[in-house]
Amino acid sequence: MHSLCGRDAQDYAAVSANRRDARILGNKPKGVVTSKEVRFTKIILDHFDIACYFDAIVGGDTTPARKPDPRPFLESDRLLGGRLPGRFMVGDSENDINAGRGAGTRTAPSRSDFAPPSSCA
């Protein structure tokens, strides 16, 4: 793994669950929206052997604004071919949920250790 990236990255249960869920979703377009730079995100996704499940990666360096601004999610929509019917996002922070909602996307909090309790209510 890259010396500057993923030193502390772990395959949390949420990652394993997301891998399973990504397979269940089959050929539906899937994207990753993160605050990390795209180049580091790709390294991490490759490390956990899950990059192949995603059709778009939007990082903190992709748009001029970061979450909770909705522009990263709107860019993900664009990269995935437009505003797809039935699209949704799962986030592990209040910023994720707010950004997804701001982009007009149905949102759901993950039940990971990272989510503040208020966003999982």
PDB file of N, CA and C in Angstrom:
ATOM      1  N   MET A   1       0.852  -1.175   0.000  1.00  0.00           N
ATOM      2  CA  MET A   1       0.000   0.000   0.000  1.00  0.00           C
ATOM      3  C   MET A   1       0.893   1.231   0.000  1.00  0.00           C
ATOM      4  N   HIS A   2       0.411   2.284  -0.584  1.00  0.00           N
ATOM      5  CA  HIS A   2       1.138   3.548  -0.677  1.00  0.00           C
ATOM      6  C   HIS A   2       1.542   4.014   0.711  1.00  0.00           C
ATOM      7  N   SER A   3       2.761   4.534   0.843  1.00  0.00           N
ATOM      8  CA  SER A   3       3.256   4.913   2.167  1.00  0.00           C
ATOM      9  C   SER A   3       2.488   6.067   2.791  1.00  0.00           C
ATOM     10  N   LEU A   4       1.806   6.890   2.000  1.00  0.00           N
ATOM     11  CA  LEU A   4       1.063   8.019   2.548  1.00  0.00           C
ATOM     12  C   LEU A   4      -0.427   7.728   2.679  1.00  0.00           C
ATOM     13  N   CYS A   5      -0.828   6.561   2.300  1.00  0.00           N
ATOM     14  CA  CYS A   5      -2.265   6.297   2.176  1.00  0.00           C
ATOM     15  C   CYS A   5      -2.632   4.963   2.808  1.00  0.00           C
ATOM     16  N   GLY A   6      -3.641   4.979   3.623  1.00  0.00           N
ATOM     17  CA  GLY A   6      -4.200   3.736   4.117  1.00  0.00           C
ATOM     18  C   GLY A   6      -3.409   3.052   5.193  1.00  0.00           C
ATOM     19  N   ARG A   7      -2.476   3.770   5.827  1.00  0.00           N
ATOM     20  CA  ARG A   7      -1.731   3.128   6.907  1.00  0.00           C
ATOM     21  C   ARG A   7      -2.683   2.520   7.913  1.00  0.00           C
ATOM     22  N   ASP A   8      -3.724   3.254   8.204  1.00  0.00           N
ATOM     23  CA  ASP A   8      -4.681   2.809   9.206  1.00  0.00           C
ATOM     24  C   ASP A   8      -5.950   2.240   8.591  1.00  0.00           C
ATOM     25  N   ALA A   9      -5.973   2.078   7.271  1.00  0.00           N
ATOM     26  CA  ALA A   9      -7.168   1.549   6.613  1.00  0.00           C
ATOM     27  C   ALA A   9      -7.398   0.111   7.043  1.00  0.00           C
ATOM     28  N   GLN A  10      -8.626  -0.180   7.367  1.00  0.00           N
ATOM     29  CA  GLN A  10      -9.011  -1.525   7.768  1.00  0.00           C
ATOM     30  C   GLN A  10     -10.249  -1.909   6.993  1.00  0.00           C
ATOM     31  N   ASP A  11     -10.423  -3.208   6.794  1.00  0.00           N
ATOM     32  CA  ASP A  11     -11.624  -3.699   6.131  1.00  0.00           C
ATOM     33  C   ASP A  11     -12.709  -3.825   7.191  1.00  0.00           C
ATOM     34  N   TYR A  12     -13.315  -2.676   7.521  1.00  0.00           N
ATOM     35  CA  TYR A  12     -14.377  -2.659   8.510  1.00  0.00           C
ATOM     36  C   TYR A  12     -15.543  -3.516   8.041  1.00  0.00           C
ATOM     37  N   ALA A  13     -16.351  -3.938   8.961  1.00  0.00           N
ATOM     38  CA  ALA A  13     -17.526  -4.743   8.613  1.00  0.00           C
ATOM     39  C   ALA A  13     -18.378  -4.025   7.570  1.00  0.00           C
ATOM     40  N   ALA A  14     -18.428  -2.694   7.660  1.00  0.00           N
ATOM     41  CA  ALA A  14     -19.228  -1.930   6.691  1.00  0.00           C
ATOM     42  C   ALA A  14     -18.680  -2.096   5.278  1.00  0.00           C
ATOM     43  N   VAL A  15     -17.355  -2.185   5.139  1.00  0.00           N
ATOM     44  CA  VAL A  15     -16.768  -2.374   3.813  1.00  0.00           C
ATOM     45  C   VAL A  15     -17.156  -3.737   3.274  1.00  0.00           C
ATOM     46  N   SER A  16     -17.073  -4.763   4.114  1.00  0.00           N
ATOM     47  CA  SER A  16     -17.468  -6.101   3.680  1.00  0.00           C
ATOM     48  C   SER A  16     -18.944  -6.137   3.319  1.00  0.00           C
ATOM     49  N   ALA A  17     -19.765  -5.468   4.103  1.00  0.00           N
ATOM     50  CA  ALA A  17     -21.195  -5.415   3.800  1.00  0.00           C
ATOM     51  C   ALA A  17     -21.419  -4.665   2.496  1.00  0.00           C
ATOM     52  N   ASN A  18     -20.691  -3.570   2.278  1.00  0.00           N
ATOM     53  CA  ASN A  18     -20.837  -2.824   1.033  1.00  0.00           C
ATOM     54  C   ASN A  18     -20.419  -3.670  -0.159  1.00  0.00           C
ATOM     55  N   ARG A  19     -19.389  -4.466  -0.002  1.00  0.00           N
ATOM     56  CA  ARG A  19     -18.947  -5.358  -1.079  1.00  0.00           C
ATOM     57  C   ARG A  19     -20.067  -6.331  -1.418  1.00  0.00           C
ATOM     58  N   ARG A  20     -20.675  -6.909  -0.394  1.00  0.00           N
ATOM     59  CA  ARG A  20     -21.791  -7.828  -0.605  1.00  0.00           C
ATOM     60  C   ARG A  20     -22.951  -7.104  -1.272  1.00  0.00           C
ATOM     61  N   ASP A  21     -23.278  -5.909  -0.762  1.00  0.00           N
ATOM     62  CA  ASP A  21     -24.392  -5.142  -1.326  1.00  0.00           C
ATOM     63  C   ASP A  21     -24.109  -4.736  -2.759  1.00  0.00           C
ATOM     64  N   ALA A  22     -22.863  -4.405  -3.076  1.00  0.00           N
ATOM     65  CA  ALA A  22     -22.505  -4.024  -4.442  1.00  0.00           C
ATOM     66  C   ALA A  22     -22.741  -5.187  -5.395  1.00  0.00           C
ATOM     67  N   ARG A  23     -22.425  -6.396  -4.962  1.00  0.00           N
ATOM     68  CA  ARG A  23     -22.687  -7.572  -5.800  1.00  0.00           C
ATOM     69  C   ARG A  23     -24.179  -7.768  -5.976  1.00  0.00           C
ATOM     70  N   ILE A  24     -24.948  -7.547  -4.918  1.00  0.00           N
ATOM     71  CA  ILE A  24     -26.400  -7.717  -4.984  1.00  0.00           C
ATOM     72  C   ILE A  24     -27.007  -6.736  -5.977  1.00  0.00           C
ATOM     73  N   LEU A  25     -26.473  -5.511  -6.017  1.00  0.00           N
ATOM     74  CA  LEU A  25     -27.002  -4.500  -6.929  1.00  0.00           C
ATOM     75  C   LEU A  25     -26.693  -4.820  -8.385  1.00  0.00           C
ATOM     76  N   GLY A  26     -25.810  -5.750  -8.615  1.00  0.00           N
ATOM     77  CA  GLY A  26     -25.523  -6.195  -9.974  1.00  0.00           C
ATOM     78  C   GLY A  26     -25.002  -5.098 -10.868  1.00  0.00           C
ATOM     79  N   ASN A  27     -25.645  -4.930 -12.027  1.00  0.00           N
ATOM     80  CA  ASN A  27     -25.117  -4.015 -13.032  1.00  0.00           C
ATOM     81  C   ASN A  27     -25.610  -2.581 -12.883  1.00  0.00           C
ATOM     82  N   LYS A  28     -26.236  -2.242 -11.775  1.00  0.00           N
ATOM     83  CA  LYS A  28     -26.634  -0.853 -11.553  1.00  0.00           C
ATOM     84  C   LYS A  28     -25.394  -0.012 -11.305  1.00  0.00           C
ATOM     85  N   PRO A  29     -25.347   1.197 -11.862  1.00  0.00           N
ATOM     86  CA  PRO A  29     -24.163   2.041 -11.656  1.00  0.00           C
ATOM     87  C   PRO A  29     -23.974   2.394 -10.189  1.00  0.00           C
ATOM     88  N   LYS A  30     -22.711   2.351  -9.756  1.00  0.00           N
ATOM     89  CA  LYS A  30     -22.374   2.656  -8.369  1.00  0.00           C
ATOM     90  C   LYS A  30     -21.181   3.591  -8.349  1.00  0.00           C
ATOM     91  N   GLY A  31     -21.186   4.508  -7.382  1.00  0.00           N
ATOM     92  CA  GLY A  31     -20.082   5.431  -7.254  1.00  0.00           C
ATOM     93  C   GLY A  31     -19.641   5.590  -5.817  1.00  0.00           C
ATOM     94  N   VAL A  32     -18.457   6.122  -5.656  1.00  0.00           N
ATOM     95  CA  VAL A  32     -17.901   6.458  -4.352  1.00  0.00           C
ATOM     96  C   VAL A  32     -17.725   7.966  -4.322  1.00  0.00           C
ATOM     97  N   VAL A  33     -18.228   8.596  -3.271  1.00  0.00           N
ATOM     98  CA  VAL A  33     -18.002  10.025  -3.044  1.00  0.00           C
ATOM     99  C   VAL A  33     -17.314  10.133  -1.691  1.00  0.00           C
ATOM    100  N   THR A  34     -16.099  10.676  -1.694  1.00  0.00           N
ATOM    101  CA  THR A  34     -15.293  10.731  -0.484  1.00  0.00           C
ATOM    102  C   THR A  34     -14.592  12.076  -0.390  1.00  0.00           C
ATOM    103  N   SER A  35     -14.124  12.394   0.792  1.00  0.00           N
ATOM    104  CA  SER A  35     -13.338  13.610   0.979  1.00  0.00           C
ATOM    105  C   SER A  35     -11.871  13.380   0.663  1.00  0.00           C
ATOM    106  N   LYS A  36     -11.459  12.122   0.528  1.00  0.00           N
ATOM    107  CA  LYS A  36     -10.067  11.806   0.200  1.00  0.00           C
ATOM    108  C   LYS A  36      -9.799  12.161  -1.267  1.00  0.00           C
ATOM    109  N   GLU A  37      -8.539  12.401  -1.596  1.00  0.00           N
ATOM    110  CA  GLU A  37      -8.177  12.619  -2.988  1.00  0.00           C
ATOM    111  C   GLU A  37      -8.437  11.343  -3.783  1.00  0.00           C
ATOM    112  N   VAL A  38      -8.809  11.492  -5.047  1.00  0.00           N
ATOM    113  CA  VAL A  38      -9.142  10.345  -5.889  1.00  0.00           C
ATOM    114  C   VAL A  38      -7.981   9.356  -5.970  1.00  0.00           C
ATOM    115  N   ARG A  39      -6.755   9.846  -6.124  1.00  0.00           N
ATOM    116  CA  ARG A  39      -5.623   8.924  -6.278  1.00  0.00           C
ATOM    117  C   ARG A  39      -5.458   8.035  -5.047  1.00  0.00           C
ATOM    118  N   PHE A  40      -5.699   8.567  -3.854  1.00  0.00           N
ATOM    119  CA  PHE A  40      -5.600   7.757  -2.654  1.00  0.00           C
ATOM    120  C   PHE A  40      -6.801   6.829  -2.517  1.00  0.00           C
ATOM    121  N   THR A  41      -7.955   7.308  -2.909  1.00  0.00           N
ATOM    122  CA  THR A  41      -9.165   6.478  -2.850  1.00  0.00           C
ATOM    123  C   THR A  41      -9.000   5.247  -3.729  1.00  0.00           C
ATOM    124  N   LYS A  42      -8.449   5.424  -4.910  1.00  0.00           N
ATOM    125  CA  LYS A  42      -8.235   4.282  -5.812  1.00  0.00           C
ATOM    126  C   LYS A  42      -7.283   3.267  -5.184  1.00  0.00           C
ATOM    127  N   ILE A  43      -6.248   3.742  -4.517  1.00  0.00           N
ATOM    128  CA  ILE A  43      -5.303   2.838  -3.857  1.00  0.00           C
ATOM    129  C   ILE A  43      -6.022   2.018  -2.779  1.00  0.00           C
ATOM    130  N   ILE A  44      -6.843   2.680  -1.990  1.00  0.00           N
ATOM    131  CA  ILE A  44      -7.557   1.985  -0.914  1.00  0.00           C
ATOM    132  C   ILE A  44      -8.556   0.981  -1.486  1.00  0.00           C
ATOM    133  N   LEU A  45      -9.330   1.396  -2.486  1.00  0.00           N
ATOM    134  CA  LEU A  45     -10.301   0.483  -3.096  1.00  0.00           C
ATOM    135  C   LEU A  45      -9.604  -0.723  -3.714  1.00  0.00           C
ATOM    136  N   ASP A  46      -8.472  -0.503  -4.372  1.00  0.00           N
ATOM    137  CA  ASP A  46      -7.702  -1.617  -4.935  1.00  0.00           C
ATOM    138  C   ASP A  46      -7.167  -2.526  -3.834  1.00  0.00           C
ATOM    139  N   HIS A  47      -6.691  -1.926  -2.747  1.00  0.00           N
ATOM    140  CA  HIS A  47      -6.148  -2.709  -1.635  1.00  0.00           C
ATOM    141  C   HIS A  47      -7.180  -3.696  -1.092  1.00  0.00           C
ATOM    142  N   PHE A  48      -8.429  -3.247  -0.989  1.00  0.00           N
ATOM    143  CA  PHE A  48      -9.483  -4.111  -0.461  1.00  0.00           C
ATOM    144  C   PHE A  48     -10.217  -4.881  -1.555  1.00  0.00           C
ATOM    145  N   ASP A  49      -9.696  -4.792  -2.774  1.00  0.00           N
ATOM    146  CA  ASP A  49     -10.238  -5.542  -3.909  1.00  0.00           C
ATOM    147  C   ASP A  49     -11.718  -5.245  -4.153  1.00  0.00           C
ATOM    148  N   ILE A  50     -12.081  -3.959  -4.050  1.00  0.00           N
ATOM    149  CA  ILE A  50     -13.474  -3.575  -4.291  1.00  0.00           C
ATOM    150  C   ILE A  50     -13.609  -2.501  -5.371  1.00  0.00           C
ATOM    151  N   ALA A  51     -12.504  -2.067  -5.969  1.00  0.00           N
ATOM    152  CA  ALA A  51     -12.572  -1.019  -6.991  1.00  0.00           C
ATOM    153  C   ALA A  51     -13.465  -1.443  -8.154  1.00  0.00           C
ATOM    154  N   CYS A  52     -13.473  -2.710  -8.482  1.00  0.00           N
ATOM    155  CA  CYS A  52     -14.229  -3.196  -9.637  1.00  0.00           C
ATOM    156  C   CYS A  52     -15.745  -3.030  -9.469  1.00  0.00           C
ATOM    157  N   TYR A  53     -16.213  -2.763  -8.264  1.00  0.00           N
ATOM    158  CA  TYR A  53     -17.653  -2.620  -8.040  1.00  0.00           C
ATOM    159  C   TYR A  53     -18.155  -1.210  -8.304  1.00  0.00           C
ATOM    160  N   PHE A  54     -17.266  -0.264  -8.553  1.00  0.00           N
ATOM    161  CA  PHE A  54     -17.668   1.141  -8.665  1.00  0.00           C
ATOM    162  C   PHE A  54     -17.371   1.697 -10.042  1.00  0.00           C
ATOM    163  N   ASP A  55     -18.331   2.450 -10.564  1.00  0.00           N
ATOM    164  CA  ASP A  55     -18.234   3.017 -11.910  1.00  0.00           C
ATOM    165  C   ASP A  55     -17.750   4.461 -11.896  1.00  0.00           C
ATOM    166  N   ALA A  56     -17.771   5.103 -10.750  1.00  0.00           N
ATOM    167  CA  ALA A  56     -17.331   6.496 -10.635  1.00  0.00           C
ATOM    168  C   ALA A  56     -16.715   6.712  -9.260  1.00  0.00           C
ATOM    169  N   ILE A  57     -15.686   7.534  -9.229  1.00  0.00           N
ATOM    170  CA  ILE A  57     -15.069   7.943  -7.963  1.00  0.00           C
ATOM    171  C   ILE A  57     -14.980   9.458  -7.967  1.00  0.00           C
ATOM    172  N   VAL A  58     -15.562  10.065  -6.957  1.00  0.00           N
ATOM    173  CA  VAL A  58     -15.487  11.512  -6.780  1.00  0.00           C
ATOM    174  C   VAL A  58     -14.780  11.751  -5.455  1.00  0.00           C
ATOM    175  N   GLY A  59     -13.695  12.495  -5.508  1.00  0.00           N
ATOM    176  CA  GLY A  59     -12.922  12.766  -4.308  1.00  0.00           C
ATOM    177  C   GLY A  59     -12.988  14.221  -3.909  1.00  0.00           C
ATOM    178  N   GLY A  60     -12.331  14.519  -2.820  1.00  0.00           N
ATOM    179  CA  GLY A  60     -12.284  15.886  -2.332  1.00  0.00           C
ATOM    180  C   GLY A  60     -11.588  16.829  -3.282  1.00  0.00           C
ATOM    181  N   ASP A  61     -10.843  16.267  -4.231  1.00  0.00           N
ATOM    182  CA  ASP A  61     -10.139  17.081  -5.219  1.00  0.00           C
ATOM    183  C   ASP A  61     -10.855  17.129  -6.573  1.00  0.00           C
ATOM    184  N   THR A  62     -12.070  16.583  -6.647  1.00  0.00           N
ATOM    185  CA  THR A  62     -12.799  16.514  -7.915  1.00  0.00           C
ATOM    186  C   THR A  62     -13.610  17.770  -8.183  1.00  0.00           C
ATOM    187  N   THR A  63     -14.260  18.292  -7.160  1.00  0.00           N
ATOM    188  CA  THR A  63     -15.099  19.482  -7.322  1.00  0.00           C
ATOM    189  C   THR A  63     -14.534  20.613  -6.469  1.00  0.00           C
ATOM    190  N   PRO A  64     -14.955  21.842  -6.738  1.00  0.00           N
ATOM    191  CA  PRO A  64     -14.431  22.964  -5.966  1.00  0.00           C
ATOM    192  C   PRO A  64     -14.924  23.000  -4.515  1.00  0.00           C
ATOM    193  N   ALA A  65     -15.915  22.207  -4.204  1.00  0.00           N
ATOM    194  CA  ALA A  65     -16.460  22.189  -2.838  1.00  0.00           C
ATOM    195  C   ALA A  65     -16.501  20.753  -2.331  1.00  0.00           C
ATOM    196  N   ARG A  66     -16.413  20.613  -1.031  1.00  0.00           N
ATOM    197  CA  ARG A  66     -16.486  19.292  -0.392  1.00  0.00           C
ATOM    198  C   ARG A  66     -17.808  19.153   0.355  1.00  0.00           C
ATOM    199  N   LYS A  67     -18.120  17.897   0.699  1.00  0.00           N
ATOM    200  CA  LYS A  67     -19.314  17.656   1.507  1.00  0.00           C
ATOM    201  C   LYS A  67     -19.216  18.494   2.782  1.00  0.00           C
ATOM    202  N   PRO A  68     -20.296  19.082   3.240  1.00  0.00           N
ATOM    203  CA  PRO A  68     -21.702  18.801   2.968  1.00  0.00           C
ATOM    204  C   PRO A  68     -22.291  19.516   1.749  1.00  0.00           C
ATOM    205  N   ASP A  69     -21.473  20.206   0.964  1.00  0.00           N
ATOM    206  CA  ASP A  69     -21.958  20.793  -0.282  1.00  0.00           C
ATOM    207  C   ASP A  69     -22.423  19.646  -1.193  1.00  0.00           C
ATOM    208  N   PRO A  70     -23.520  19.813  -1.915  1.00  0.00           N
ATOM    209  CA  PRO A  70     -24.034  18.724  -2.758  1.00  0.00           C
ATOM    210  C   PRO A  70     -23.252  18.497  -4.054  1.00  0.00           C
ATOM    211  N   ARG A  71     -22.350  19.408  -4.424  1.00  0.00           N
ATOM    212  CA  ARG A  71     -21.671  19.274  -5.721  1.00  0.00           C
ATOM    213  C   ARG A  71     -20.921  17.957  -5.923  1.00  0.00           C
ATOM    214  N   PRO A  72     -20.286  17.374  -4.918  1.00  0.00           N
ATOM    215  CA  PRO A  72     -19.664  16.068  -5.176  1.00  0.00           C
ATOM    216  C   PRO A  72     -20.684  15.005  -5.596  1.00  0.00           C
ATOM    217  N   PHE A  73     -21.864  15.015  -5.006  1.00  0.00           N
ATOM    218  CA  PHE A  73     -22.881  14.030  -5.383  1.00  0.00           C
ATOM    219  C   PHE A  73     -23.463  14.335  -6.761  1.00  0.00           C
ATOM    220  N   LEU A  74     -23.590  15.603  -7.094  1.00  0.00           N
ATOM    221  CA  LEU A  74     -24.062  15.969  -8.428  1.00  0.00           C
ATOM    222  C   LEU A  74     -23.037  15.557  -9.488  1.00  0.00           C
ATOM    223  N   GLU A  75     -21.747  15.653  -9.156  1.00  0.00           N
ATOM    224  CA  GLU A  75     -20.707  15.196 -10.081  1.00  0.00           C
ATOM    225  C   GLU A  75     -20.754  13.686 -10.239  1.00  0.00           C
ATOM    226  N   SER A  76     -21.011  12.975  -9.161  1.00  0.00           N
ATOM    227  CA  SER A  76     -21.166  11.524  -9.245  1.00  0.00           C
ATOM    228  C   SER A  76     -22.335  11.175 -10.166  1.00  0.00           C
ATOM    229  N   ASP A  77     -23.454  11.879 -10.016  1.00  0.00           N
ATOM    230  CA  ASP A  77     -24.595  11.680 -10.929  1.00  0.00           C
ATOM    231  C   ASP A  77     -24.146  11.846 -12.376  1.00  0.00           C
ATOM    232  N   ARG A  78     -23.414  12.925 -12.644  1.00  0.00           N
ATOM    233  CA  ARG A  78     -22.977  13.209 -14.013  1.00  0.00           C
ATOM    234  C   ARG A  78     -22.096  12.075 -14.542  1.00  0.00           C
ATOM    235  N   LEU A  79     -21.137  11.627 -13.735  1.00  0.00           N
ATOM    236  CA  LEU A  79     -20.230  10.573 -14.165  1.00  0.00           C
ATOM    237  C   LEU A  79     -20.947   9.243 -14.387  1.00  0.00           C
ATOM    238  N   LEU A  80     -22.043   9.045 -13.663  1.00  0.00           N
ATOM    239  CA  LEU A  80     -22.803   7.799 -13.788  1.00  0.00           C
ATOM    240  C   LEU A  80     -23.872   7.875 -14.873  1.00  0.00           C
ATOM    241  N   GLY A  81     -23.917   8.995 -15.586  1.00  0.00           N
ATOM    242  CA  GLY A  81     -24.844   9.068 -16.710  1.00  0.00           C
ATOM    243  C   GLY A  81     -26.069   9.920 -16.478  1.00  0.00           C
ATOM    244  N   GLY A  82     -26.075  10.699 -15.432  1.00  0.00           N
ATOM    245  CA  GLY A  82     -27.221  11.573 -15.172  1.00  0.00           C
ATOM    246  C   GLY A  82     -27.959  11.169 -13.913  1.00  0.00           C
ATOM    247  N   ARG A  83     -29.029  11.871 -13.659  1.00  0.00           N
ATOM    248  CA  ARG A  83     -29.820  11.610 -12.450  1.00  0.00           C
ATOM    249  C   ARG A  83     -30.647  10.351 -12.682  1.00  0.00           C
ATOM    250  N   LEU A  84     -30.168   9.264 -12.145  1.00  0.00           N
ATOM    251  CA  LEU A  84     -30.778   7.966 -12.389  1.00  0.00           C
ATOM    252  C   LEU A  84     -32.001   7.753 -11.507  1.00  0.00           C
ATOM    253  N   PRO A  85     -33.053   7.188 -12.062  1.00  0.00           N
ATOM    254  CA  PRO A  85     -34.231   6.909 -11.233  1.00  0.00           C
ATOM    255  C   PRO A  85     -33.885   5.894 -10.148  1.00  0.00           C
ATOM    256  N   GLY A  86     -34.416   6.111  -8.969  1.00  0.00           N
ATOM    257  CA  GLY A  86     -34.201   5.179  -7.872  1.00  0.00           C
ATOM    258  C   GLY A  86     -32.834   5.283  -7.225  1.00  0.00           C
ATOM    259  N   ARG A  87     -32.079   6.332  -7.535  1.00  0.00           N
ATOM    260  CA  ARG A  87     -30.741   6.427  -6.967  1.00  0.00           C
ATOM    261  C   ARG A  87     -30.825   6.711  -5.466  1.00  0.00           C
ATOM    262  N   PHE A  88     -29.822   6.272  -4.760  1.00  0.00           N
ATOM    263  CA  PHE A  88     -29.742   6.505  -3.320  1.00  0.00           C
ATOM    264  C   PHE A  88     -28.287   6.482  -2.909  1.00  0.00           C
ATOM    265  N   MET A  89     -28.024   6.986  -1.719  1.00  0.00           N
ATOM    266  CA  MET A  89     -26.673   6.948  -1.192  1.00  0.00           C
ATOM    267  C   MET A  89     -26.715   6.535   0.263  1.00  0.00           C
ATOM    268  N   VAL A  90     -25.619   5.908   0.680  1.00  0.00           N
ATOM    269  CA  VAL A  90     -25.440   5.526   2.073  1.00  0.00           C
ATOM    270  C   VAL A  90     -24.217   6.287   2.563  1.00  0.00           C
ATOM    271  N   GLY A  91     -24.354   6.981   3.680  1.00  0.00           N
ATOM    272  CA  GLY A  91     -23.251   7.766   4.202  1.00  0.00           C
ATOM    273  C   GLY A  91     -22.925   7.402   5.630  1.00  0.00           C
ATOM    274  N   ASP A  92     -21.685   7.673   6.020  1.00  0.00           N
ATOM    275  CA  ASP A  92     -21.277   7.360   7.393  1.00  0.00           C
ATOM    276  C   ASP A  92     -21.052   8.611   8.225  1.00  0.00           C
ATOM    277  N   SER A  93     -21.570   9.748   7.747  1.00  0.00           N
ATOM    278  CA  SER A  93     -21.436  10.969   8.535  1.00  0.00           C
ATOM    279  C   SER A  93     -22.605  11.899   8.234  1.00  0.00           C
ATOM    280  N   GLU A  94     -22.786  12.846   9.117  1.00  0.00           N
ATOM    281  CA  GLU A  94     -23.832  13.837   8.918  1.00  0.00           C
ATOM    282  C   GLU A  94     -23.568  14.651   7.647  1.00  0.00           C
ATOM    283  N   ASN A  95     -22.290  14.928   7.344  1.00  0.00           N
ATOM    284  CA  ASN A  95     -21.953  15.642   6.113  1.00  0.00           C
ATOM    285  C   ASN A  95     -22.401  14.865   4.876  1.00  0.00           C
ATOM    286  N   ASP A  96     -22.237  13.551   4.896  1.00  0.00           N
ATOM    287  CA  ASP A  96     -22.682  12.725   3.775  1.00  0.00           C
ATOM    288  C   ASP A  96     -24.191  12.850   3.572  1.00  0.00           C
ATOM    289  N   ILE A  97     -24.917  12.702   4.665  1.00  0.00           N
ATOM    290  CA  ILE A  97     -26.379  12.750   4.589  1.00  0.00           C
ATOM    291  C   ILE A  97     -26.837  14.116   4.093  1.00  0.00           C
ATOM    292  N   ASN A  98     -26.259  15.177   4.633  1.00  0.00           N
ATOM    293  CA  ASN A  98     -26.650  16.528   4.213  1.00  0.00           C
ATOM    294  C   ASN A  98     -26.301  16.781   2.747  1.00  0.00           C
ATOM    295  N   ALA A  99     -25.156  16.322   2.298  1.00  0.00           N
ATOM    296  CA  ALA A  99     -24.763  16.508   0.903  1.00  0.00           C
ATOM    297  C   ALA A  99     -25.686  15.731  -0.032  1.00  0.00           C
ATOM    298  N   GLY A 100     -25.983  14.499   0.324  1.00  0.00           N
ATOM    299  CA  GLY A 100     -26.887  13.690  -0.497  1.00  0.00           C
ATOM    300  C   GLY A 100     -28.268  14.309  -0.601  1.00  0.00           C
ATOM    301  N   ARG A 101     -28.785  14.745   0.525  1.00  0.00           N
ATOM    302  CA  ARG A 101     -30.098  15.394   0.520  1.00  0.00           C
ATOM    303  C   ARG A 101     -30.069  16.683  -0.301  1.00  0.00           C
ATOM    304  N   GLY A 102     -28.987  17.454  -0.162  1.00  0.00           N
ATOM    305  CA  GLY A 102     -28.854  18.688  -0.927  1.00  0.00           C
ATOM    306  C   GLY A 102     -28.835  18.444  -2.429  1.00  0.00           C
ATOM    307  N   ALA A 103     -28.371  17.263  -2.830  1.00  0.00           N
ATOM    308  CA  ALA A 103     -28.340  16.893  -4.246  1.00  0.00           C
ATOM    309  C   ALA A 103     -29.655  16.261  -4.688  1.00  0.00           C
ATOM    310  N   GLY A 104     -30.607  16.169  -3.763  1.00  0.00           N
ATOM    311  CA  GLY A 104     -31.902  15.578  -4.116  1.00  0.00           C
ATOM    312  C   GLY A 104     -31.884  14.066  -4.185  1.00  0.00           C
ATOM    313  N   THR A 105     -30.954  13.465  -3.480  1.00  0.00           N
ATOM    314  CA  THR A 105     -30.786  12.012  -3.490  1.00  0.00           C
ATOM    315  C   THR A 105     -31.364  11.409  -2.217  1.00  0.00           C
ATOM    316  N   ARG A 106     -32.045  10.289  -2.355  1.00  0.00           N
ATOM    317  CA  ARG A 106     -32.499   9.586  -1.149  1.00  0.00           C
ATOM    318  C   ARG A 106     -31.257   9.144  -0.389  1.00  0.00           C
ATOM    319  N   THR A 107     -31.291   9.287   0.923  1.00  0.00           N
ATOM    320  CA  THR A 107     -30.116   8.996   1.734  1.00  0.00           C
ATOM    321  C   THR A 107     -30.450   8.023   2.854  1.00  0.00           C
ATOM    322  N   ALA A 108     -29.422   7.331   3.293  1.00  0.00           N
ATOM    323  CA  ALA A 108     -29.547   6.443   4.444  1.00  0.00           C
ATOM    324  C   ALA A 108     -28.218   6.433   5.181  1.00  0.00           C
ATOM    325  N   PRO A 109     -28.256   6.542   6.504  1.00  0.00           N
ATOM    326  CA  PRO A 109     -27.000   6.459   7.257  1.00  0.00           C
ATOM    327  C   PRO A 109     -26.564   5.007   7.388  1.00  0.00           C
ATOM    328  N   SER A 110     -25.252   4.784   7.315  1.00  0.00           N
ATOM    329  CA  SER A 110     -24.744   3.449   7.612  1.00  0.00           C
ATOM    330  C   SER A 110     -24.807   3.279   9.118  1.00  0.00           C
ATOM    331  N   ARG A 111     -24.732   2.098   9.558  1.00  0.00           N
ATOM    332  CA  ARG A 111     -24.735   1.824  10.999  1.00  0.00           C
ATOM    333  C   ARG A 111     -23.313   1.589  11.483  1.00  0.00           C
ATOM    334  N   SER A 112     -22.353   2.269  10.867  1.00  0.00           N
ATOM    335  CA  SER A 112     -20.949   2.108  11.247  1.00  0.00           C
ATOM    336  C   SER A 112     -20.652   2.877  12.525  1.00  0.00           C
ATOM    337  N   ASP A 113     -19.486   2.660  13.036  1.00  0.00           N
ATOM    338  CA  ASP A 113     -19.052   3.369  14.241  1.00  0.00           C
ATOM    339  C   ASP A 113     -18.817   4.854  13.985  1.00  0.00           C
ATOM    340  N   PHE A 114     -18.759   5.270  12.728  1.00  0.00           N
ATOM    341  CA  PHE A 114     -18.434   6.641  12.394  1.00  0.00           C
ATOM    342  C   PHE A 114     -19.638   7.562  12.446  1.00  0.00           C
ATOM    343  N   ALA A 115     -20.830   7.032  12.312  1.00  0.00           N
ATOM    344  CA  ALA A 115     -22.025   7.869  12.226  1.00  0.00           C
ATOM    345  C   ALA A 115     -22.404   8.402  13.602  1.00  0.00           C
ATOM    346  N   PRO A 116     -22.634   9.709  13.682  1.00  0.00           N
ATOM    347  CA  PRO A 116     -23.123  10.218  14.968  1.00  0.00           C
ATOM    348  C   PRO A 116     -24.526   9.680  15.222  1.00  0.00           C
ATOM    349  N   PRO A 117     -24.854   9.369  16.472  1.00  0.00           N
ATOM    350  CA  PRO A 117     -26.161   8.776  16.760  1.00  0.00           C
ATOM    351  C   PRO A 117     -27.338   9.576  16.209  1.00  0.00           C
ATOM    352  N   SER A 118     -27.221  10.907  16.157  1.00  0.00           N
ATOM    353  CA  SER A 118     -28.354  11.710  15.703  1.00  0.00           C
ATOM    354  C   SER A 118     -28.698  11.436  14.243  1.00  0.00           C
ATOM    355  N   SER A 119     -27.720  11.040  13.407  1.00  0.00           N
ATOM    356  CA  SER A 119     -28.011  10.825  12.010  1.00  0.00           C
ATOM    357  C   SER A 119     -28.573   9.439  11.745  1.00  0.00           C
ATOM    358  N   CYS A 120     -28.563   8.579  12.755  1.00  0.00           N
ATOM    359  CA  CYS A 120     -29.058   7.215  12.574  1.00  0.00           C
ATOM    360  C   CYS A 120     -30.457   7.022  13.133  1.00  0.00           C
ATOM    361  N   ALA A 121     -31.050   8.117  13.554  1.00  0.00           N
ATOM    362  CA  ALA A 121     -32.385   7.995  14.153  1.00  0.00           C
ATOM    363  C   ALA A 121     -33.436   7.721  13.115  1.00  0.00           C
TER     364      ALA A 121
END
